[in-house]
Amino acid sequence: MQIPSDLRYSSDHEWASTTGTVVRVGITDYAQDALGDVVFVDLPKVGATVAAGGSLGEVESTKSVSEIYAPVAGVVSAVNDALSANPELINTAPYAEGWICEITVEDASVVESLLDATAYQALTNN
């Protein structure tokens, strides 16, 4: 299982990377593996305001449907439209082409409150 050390993680198995005040969000390798083959992604709407821990959308797999939760509060500024035609990108490249959306935040330091790679590794080993 991959847990890149340069990302932050939520206890709901989302990852976050920050560039300025933009936070790119996806689901972790652990989450995509637990889901199985992803067949559909319900993406959030650009311009939607989201609360930390609030719903961003859903990921549907051959096993189940799971909520995607926002690891930070802000405004959805971009979505990965490639997932509409190729939802399997979440399985094949969860930390690259399989990203879900970008959220613009007022203060990027909020990402520091998320789990680092070591803490997320400990969470997934329990």
N, C-alpha and C. Protein backbone atom coordinates (compact mmCIF):
# COMPACT_ATOMS: atom_id res chain seq x y z
N MET A 1 0.84 -1.18 0.00
CA MET A 1 0.00 0.00 0.00
C MET A 1 0.89 1.25 0.00
N GLN A 2 0.57 2.15 -0.89
CA GLN A 2 1.34 3.40 -0.99
C GLN A 2 0.77 4.46 -0.05
N ILE A 3 1.67 5.13 0.68
CA ILE A 3 1.31 6.27 1.52
C ILE A 3 2.40 7.33 1.31
N PRO A 4 2.25 8.16 0.26
CA PRO A 4 3.28 9.17 -0.01
C PRO A 4 3.51 10.09 1.20
N SER A 5 4.77 10.32 1.52
CA SER A 5 5.11 11.12 2.70
C SER A 5 4.86 12.61 2.51
N ASP A 6 4.67 13.07 1.27
CA ASP A 6 4.47 14.50 1.03
C ASP A 6 2.99 14.92 1.07
N LEU A 7 2.10 13.98 1.38
CA LEU A 7 0.67 14.28 1.45
C LEU A 7 0.19 14.27 2.89
N ARG A 8 -1.00 14.79 3.10
CA ARG A 8 -1.69 14.71 4.40
C ARG A 8 -2.93 13.86 4.19
N TYR A 9 -3.46 13.31 5.29
CA TYR A 9 -4.53 12.32 5.19
C TYR A 9 -5.62 12.57 6.22
N SER A 10 -6.86 12.23 5.84
CA SER A 10 -7.96 12.30 6.80
C SER A 10 -8.21 10.90 7.35
N SER A 11 -8.88 10.82 8.47
CA SER A 11 -9.22 9.52 9.04
C SER A 11 -10.30 8.82 8.21
N ASP A 12 -10.90 9.55 7.26
CA ASP A 12 -11.89 8.98 6.34
C ASP A 12 -11.24 8.48 5.05
N HIS A 13 -9.91 8.46 5.00
CA HIS A 13 -9.13 7.91 3.89
C HIS A 13 -9.10 8.78 2.63
N GLU A 14 -9.14 10.09 2.83
CA GLU A 14 -8.87 11.03 1.74
C GLU A 14 -7.46 11.57 1.92
N TRP A 15 -6.82 11.95 0.80
CA TRP A 15 -5.51 12.59 0.86
C TRP A 15 -5.64 14.03 0.41
N ALA A 16 -4.68 14.85 0.79
CA ALA A 16 -4.68 16.26 0.43
C ALA A 16 -3.26 16.71 0.12
N SER A 17 -3.12 17.45 -0.97
CA SER A 17 -1.84 18.10 -1.28
C SER A 17 -2.13 19.57 -1.51
N THR A 18 -1.20 20.42 -1.10
CA THR A 18 -1.43 21.86 -1.13
C THR A 18 -0.47 22.57 -2.07
N THR A 19 -1.04 23.46 -2.88
CA THR A 19 -0.27 24.38 -3.70
C THR A 19 -0.87 25.76 -3.46
N GLY A 20 -0.18 26.59 -2.69
CA GLY A 20 -0.75 27.89 -2.32
C GLY A 20 -2.00 27.69 -1.47
N THR A 21 -3.12 28.23 -1.91
CA THR A 21 -4.38 28.06 -1.17
C THR A 21 -5.29 27.03 -1.83
N VAL A 22 -4.74 26.24 -2.75
CA VAL A 22 -5.51 25.20 -3.41
C VAL A 22 -5.10 23.84 -2.86
N VAL A 23 -6.11 23.08 -2.42
CA VAL A 23 -5.88 21.75 -1.86
C VAL A 23 -6.48 20.72 -2.82
N ARG A 24 -5.62 19.89 -3.39
CA ARG A 24 -6.08 18.80 -4.26
C ARG A 24 -6.43 17.61 -3.38
N VAL A 25 -7.57 16.97 -3.68
CA VAL A 25 -8.12 15.91 -2.84
C VAL A 25 -8.36 14.65 -3.67
N GLY A 26 -8.10 13.52 -3.05
CA GLY A 26 -8.42 12.23 -3.66
C GLY A 26 -8.63 11.21 -2.56
N ILE A 27 -8.88 9.96 -2.95
CA ILE A 27 -8.97 8.92 -1.93
C ILE A 27 -7.66 8.12 -1.95
N THR A 28 -7.33 7.55 -0.82
CA THR A 28 -6.05 6.89 -0.65
C THR A 28 -6.00 5.53 -1.34
N ASP A 29 -4.79 5.04 -1.51
CA ASP A 29 -4.57 3.70 -2.05
C ASP A 29 -5.29 2.67 -1.18
N TYR A 30 -5.24 2.85 0.12
CA TYR A 30 -5.93 1.96 1.06
C TYR A 30 -7.43 1.94 0.76
N ALA A 31 -8.02 3.12 0.57
CA ALA A 31 -9.46 3.21 0.31
C ALA A 31 -9.84 2.59 -1.02
N GLN A 32 -9.07 2.89 -2.08
CA GLN A 32 -9.43 2.34 -3.38
C GLN A 32 -9.30 0.82 -3.37
N ASP A 33 -8.33 0.29 -2.64
CA ASP A 33 -8.16 -1.15 -2.55
C ASP A 33 -9.34 -1.79 -1.82
N ALA A 34 -9.81 -1.14 -0.76
CA ALA A 34 -10.95 -1.66 -0.01
C ALA A 34 -12.24 -1.61 -0.85
N LEU A 35 -12.35 -0.58 -1.70
CA LEU A 35 -13.54 -0.44 -2.53
C LEU A 35 -13.61 -1.49 -3.64
N GLY A 36 -12.49 -1.86 -4.18
CA GLY A 36 -12.48 -2.73 -5.36
C GLY A 36 -12.58 -1.88 -6.62
N ASP A 37 -13.01 -2.48 -7.70
CA ASP A 37 -13.04 -1.79 -8.99
C ASP A 37 -14.04 -0.65 -9.00
N VAL A 38 -13.55 0.59 -9.16
CA VAL A 38 -14.40 1.78 -9.20
C VAL A 38 -15.06 1.86 -10.57
N VAL A 39 -16.41 2.02 -10.57
CA VAL A 39 -17.16 2.07 -11.83
C VAL A 39 -17.84 3.42 -12.07
N PHE A 40 -17.93 4.27 -11.03
CA PHE A 40 -18.57 5.57 -11.19
C PHE A 40 -18.12 6.49 -10.07
N VAL A 41 -17.93 7.78 -10.42
CA VAL A 41 -17.59 8.79 -9.41
C VAL A 41 -18.57 9.95 -9.56
N ASP A 42 -19.25 10.28 -8.47
CA ASP A 42 -20.14 11.44 -8.42
C ASP A 42 -19.30 12.60 -7.91
N LEU A 43 -18.92 13.49 -8.83
CA LEU A 43 -18.03 14.61 -8.50
C LEU A 43 -18.81 15.78 -7.91
N PRO A 44 -18.16 16.57 -7.06
CA PRO A 44 -18.83 17.78 -6.55
C PRO A 44 -18.95 18.82 -7.67
N LYS A 45 -19.75 19.83 -7.43
CA LYS A 45 -19.93 20.91 -8.41
C LYS A 45 -18.90 22.01 -8.14
N VAL A 46 -18.28 22.51 -9.22
CA VAL A 46 -17.37 23.64 -9.09
C VAL A 46 -18.18 24.82 -8.54
N GLY A 47 -17.62 25.49 -7.55
CA GLY A 47 -18.30 26.61 -6.92
C GLY A 47 -19.03 26.25 -5.63
N ALA A 48 -19.17 24.95 -5.38
CA ALA A 48 -19.85 24.50 -4.15
C ALA A 48 -18.98 24.79 -2.94
N THR A 49 -19.59 25.26 -1.87
CA THR A 49 -18.89 25.46 -0.60
C THR A 49 -19.02 24.18 0.20
N VAL A 50 -17.88 23.70 0.71
CA VAL A 50 -17.87 22.46 1.48
C VAL A 50 -17.30 22.70 2.88
N ALA A 51 -17.82 21.96 3.82
CA ALA A 51 -17.32 22.01 5.20
C ALA A 51 -16.35 20.85 5.40
N ALA A 52 -15.38 21.03 6.27
CA ALA A 52 -14.47 19.93 6.60
C ALA A 52 -15.30 18.79 7.17
N GLY A 53 -15.14 17.62 6.60
CA GLY A 53 -15.91 16.45 7.02
C GLY A 53 -17.23 16.32 6.29
N GLY A 54 -17.59 17.32 5.49
CA GLY A 54 -18.83 17.27 4.73
C GLY A 54 -18.68 16.44 3.46
N SER A 55 -19.78 16.05 2.90
CA SER A 55 -19.77 15.20 1.71
C SER A 55 -19.32 15.97 0.46
N LEU A 56 -18.43 15.35 -0.31
CA LEU A 56 -18.00 15.89 -1.60
C LEU A 56 -18.67 15.16 -2.75
N GLY A 57 -19.10 13.95 -2.53
CA GLY A 57 -19.67 13.13 -3.58
C GLY A 57 -19.60 11.67 -3.18
N GLU A 58 -19.64 10.80 -4.19
CA GLU A 58 -19.61 9.37 -3.92
C GLU A 58 -18.73 8.65 -4.93
N VAL A 59 -18.19 7.52 -4.48
CA VAL A 59 -17.47 6.62 -5.35
C VAL A 59 -18.22 5.30 -5.32
N GLU A 60 -18.59 4.83 -6.51
CA GLU A 60 -19.31 3.56 -6.62
C GLU A 60 -18.36 2.52 -7.18
N SER A 61 -18.32 1.37 -6.52
CA SER A 61 -17.47 0.28 -6.98
C SER A 61 -18.32 -0.96 -7.18
N THR A 62 -17.67 -2.02 -7.62
CA THR A 62 -18.39 -3.28 -7.79
C THR A 62 -18.83 -3.86 -6.45
N LYS A 63 -18.23 -3.36 -5.34
CA LYS A 63 -18.56 -3.85 -4.01
C LYS A 63 -19.59 -2.99 -3.27
N SER A 64 -19.48 -1.63 -3.44
CA SER A 64 -20.32 -0.75 -2.62
C SER A 64 -20.30 0.68 -3.15
N VAL A 65 -21.06 1.53 -2.48
CA VAL A 65 -21.03 2.97 -2.74
C VAL A 65 -20.52 3.62 -1.46
N SER A 66 -19.52 4.50 -1.61
CA SER A 66 -18.92 5.15 -0.45
C SER A 66 -18.90 6.66 -0.63
N GLU A 67 -19.14 7.36 0.45
CA GLU A 67 -19.08 8.82 0.45
C GLU A 67 -17.62 9.27 0.34
N ILE A 68 -17.42 10.41 -0.29
CA ILE A 68 -16.13 11.09 -0.30
C ILE A 68 -16.31 12.30 0.60
N TYR A 69 -15.44 12.48 1.57
CA TYR A 69 -15.56 13.59 2.52
C TYR A 69 -14.47 14.63 2.29
N ALA A 70 -14.83 15.88 2.47
CA ALA A 70 -13.86 16.97 2.32
C ALA A 70 -12.93 16.98 3.53
N PRO A 71 -11.62 16.90 3.30
CA PRO A 71 -10.70 16.96 4.43
C PRO A 71 -10.53 18.38 4.97
N VAL A 72 -10.91 19.38 4.17
CA VAL A 72 -10.81 20.79 4.57
C VAL A 72 -12.06 21.53 4.11
N ALA A 73 -12.30 22.68 4.71
CA ALA A 73 -13.42 23.53 4.30
C ALA A 73 -12.96 24.52 3.24
N GLY A 74 -13.84 24.84 2.31
CA GLY A 74 -13.51 25.81 1.28
C GLY A 74 -14.49 25.75 0.13
N VAL A 75 -14.04 26.21 -1.04
CA VAL A 75 -14.88 26.24 -2.23
C VAL A 75 -14.25 25.33 -3.28
N VAL A 76 -15.07 24.44 -3.85
CA VAL A 76 -14.58 23.55 -4.91
C VAL A 76 -14.21 24.41 -6.12
N SER A 77 -12.94 24.39 -6.50
CA SER A 77 -12.46 25.25 -7.60
C SER A 77 -12.18 24.47 -8.88
N ALA A 78 -12.09 23.14 -8.79
CA ALA A 78 -11.88 22.31 -9.98
C ALA A 78 -12.28 20.88 -9.65
N VAL A 79 -12.70 20.15 -10.67
CA VAL A 79 -12.98 18.72 -10.53
C VAL A 79 -12.23 17.98 -11.63
N ASN A 80 -11.96 16.73 -11.39
CA ASN A 80 -11.25 15.91 -12.36
C ASN A 80 -12.27 15.27 -13.31
N ASP A 81 -12.59 15.98 -14.40
CA ASP A 81 -13.57 15.50 -15.35
C ASP A 81 -13.17 14.19 -16.01
N ALA A 82 -11.89 13.85 -16.01
CA ALA A 82 -11.43 12.59 -16.60
C ALA A 82 -12.07 11.39 -15.91
N LEU A 83 -12.48 11.56 -14.64
CA LEU A 83 -13.09 10.45 -13.90
C LEU A 83 -14.47 10.08 -14.43
N SER A 84 -15.13 11.01 -15.11
CA SER A 84 -16.46 10.71 -15.66
C SER A 84 -16.36 9.59 -16.71
N ALA A 85 -15.35 9.68 -17.55
CA ALA A 85 -15.16 8.66 -18.59
C ALA A 85 -14.29 7.50 -18.13
N ASN A 86 -13.41 7.76 -17.15
CA ASN A 86 -12.44 6.76 -16.70
C ASN A 86 -12.39 6.68 -15.18
N PRO A 87 -13.45 6.23 -14.53
CA PRO A 87 -13.45 6.18 -13.06
C PRO A 87 -12.37 5.25 -12.51
N GLU A 88 -11.91 4.31 -13.33
CA GLU A 88 -10.88 3.37 -12.87
C GLU A 88 -9.55 4.05 -12.58
N LEU A 89 -9.39 5.32 -12.98
CA LEU A 89 -8.17 6.05 -12.63
C LEU A 89 -7.97 6.10 -11.11
N ILE A 90 -9.06 6.05 -10.37
CA ILE A 90 -8.95 6.03 -8.90
C ILE A 90 -8.23 4.77 -8.45
N ASN A 91 -8.45 3.65 -9.15
CA ASN A 91 -7.77 2.40 -8.81
C ASN A 91 -6.33 2.38 -9.30
N THR A 92 -6.10 2.85 -10.51
CA THR A 92 -4.77 2.72 -11.11
C THR A 92 -3.80 3.81 -10.70
N ALA A 93 -4.30 5.00 -10.36
CA ALA A 93 -3.42 6.12 -10.00
C ALA A 93 -4.09 7.02 -8.97
N PRO A 94 -4.35 6.50 -7.76
CA PRO A 94 -5.11 7.29 -6.77
C PRO A 94 -4.43 8.60 -6.36
N TYR A 95 -3.10 8.67 -6.46
CA TYR A 95 -2.39 9.89 -6.04
C TYR A 95 -1.98 10.77 -7.23
N ALA A 96 -2.36 10.38 -8.43
CA ALA A 96 -1.97 11.15 -9.62
C ALA A 96 -3.22 11.46 -10.45
N GLU A 97 -3.41 10.74 -11.55
CA GLU A 97 -4.54 11.02 -12.45
C GLU A 97 -5.90 10.74 -11.79
N GLY A 98 -5.92 10.04 -10.67
CA GLY A 98 -7.16 9.70 -9.99
C GLY A 98 -7.63 10.71 -8.95
N TRP A 99 -7.04 11.92 -8.94
CA TRP A 99 -7.50 12.94 -7.98
C TRP A 99 -8.98 13.27 -8.25
N ILE A 100 -9.68 13.77 -7.24
CA ILE A 100 -11.12 14.00 -7.36
C ILE A 100 -11.46 15.46 -7.58
N CYS A 101 -10.95 16.35 -6.73
CA CYS A 101 -11.28 17.76 -6.89
C CYS A 101 -10.21 18.62 -6.22
N GLU A 102 -10.33 19.92 -6.46
CA GLU A 102 -9.48 20.90 -5.79
C GLU A 102 -10.38 21.85 -5.02
N ILE A 103 -9.96 22.16 -3.81
CA ILE A 103 -10.72 23.04 -2.92
C ILE A 103 -9.83 24.24 -2.60
N THR A 104 -10.36 25.44 -2.85
CA THR A 104 -9.64 26.66 -2.48
C THR A 104 -10.00 26.99 -1.04
N VAL A 105 -8.97 27.18 -0.22
CA VAL A 105 -9.15 27.45 1.20
C VAL A 105 -8.65 28.86 1.51
N GLU A 106 -9.13 29.42 2.61
CA GLU A 106 -8.66 30.74 3.02
C GLU A 106 -7.26 30.67 3.60
N ASP A 107 -7.00 29.60 4.35
CA ASP A 107 -5.72 29.46 5.03
C ASP A 107 -5.21 28.03 4.82
N ALA A 108 -4.19 27.88 3.99
CA ALA A 108 -3.68 26.56 3.65
C ALA A 108 -3.09 25.82 4.86
N SER A 109 -2.81 26.51 5.94
CA SER A 109 -2.24 25.83 7.11
C SER A 109 -3.23 24.84 7.74
N VAL A 110 -4.51 24.91 7.37
CA VAL A 110 -5.49 23.96 7.91
C VAL A 110 -5.12 22.53 7.52
N VAL A 111 -4.41 22.37 6.43
CA VAL A 111 -4.00 21.04 5.98
C VAL A 111 -3.06 20.40 7.01
N GLU A 112 -2.32 21.23 7.73
CA GLU A 112 -1.38 20.71 8.74
C GLU A 112 -2.09 19.98 9.87
N SER A 113 -3.39 20.21 10.03
CA SER A 113 -4.13 19.52 11.09
C SER A 113 -4.50 18.09 10.70
N LEU A 114 -4.31 17.75 9.43
CA LEU A 114 -4.59 16.39 8.97
C LEU A 114 -3.43 15.46 9.37
N LEU A 115 -3.65 14.17 9.21
CA LEU A 115 -2.64 13.19 9.58
C LEU A 115 -1.46 13.23 8.62
N ASP A 116 -0.25 13.05 9.15
CA ASP A 116 0.90 12.89 8.27
C ASP A 116 0.98 11.41 7.88
N ALA A 117 1.92 11.06 7.02
CA ALA A 117 2.01 9.70 6.50
C ALA A 117 2.20 8.67 7.62
N THR A 118 3.00 8.99 8.61
CA THR A 118 3.25 8.07 9.72
C THR A 118 1.97 7.80 10.51
N ALA A 119 1.23 8.86 10.80
CA ALA A 119 -0.03 8.70 11.55
C ALA A 119 -1.07 7.95 10.73
N TYR A 120 -1.11 8.21 9.42
CA TYR A 120 -2.08 7.50 8.57
C TYR A 120 -1.70 6.02 8.47
N GLN A 121 -0.42 5.73 8.39
CA GLN A 121 0.05 4.34 8.36
C GLN A 121 -0.40 3.62 9.63
N ALA A 122 -0.27 4.29 10.77
CA ALA A 122 -0.70 3.69 12.05
C ALA A 122 -2.21 3.47 12.04
N LEU A 123 -2.97 4.39 11.48
CA LEU A 123 -4.43 4.26 11.42
C LEU A 123 -4.83 3.03 10.59
N THR A 124 -4.18 2.83 9.47
CA THR A 124 -4.56 1.74 8.57
C THR A 124 -4.05 0.38 9.03
N ASN A 125 -3.13 0.37 9.97
CA ASN A 125 -2.62 -0.90 10.51
C ASN A 125 -3.46 -1.42 11.67
N ASN A 126 -4.41 -0.61 12.12
CA ASN A 126 -5.22 -1.04 13.29
C ASN A 126 -6.43 -1.82 12.86
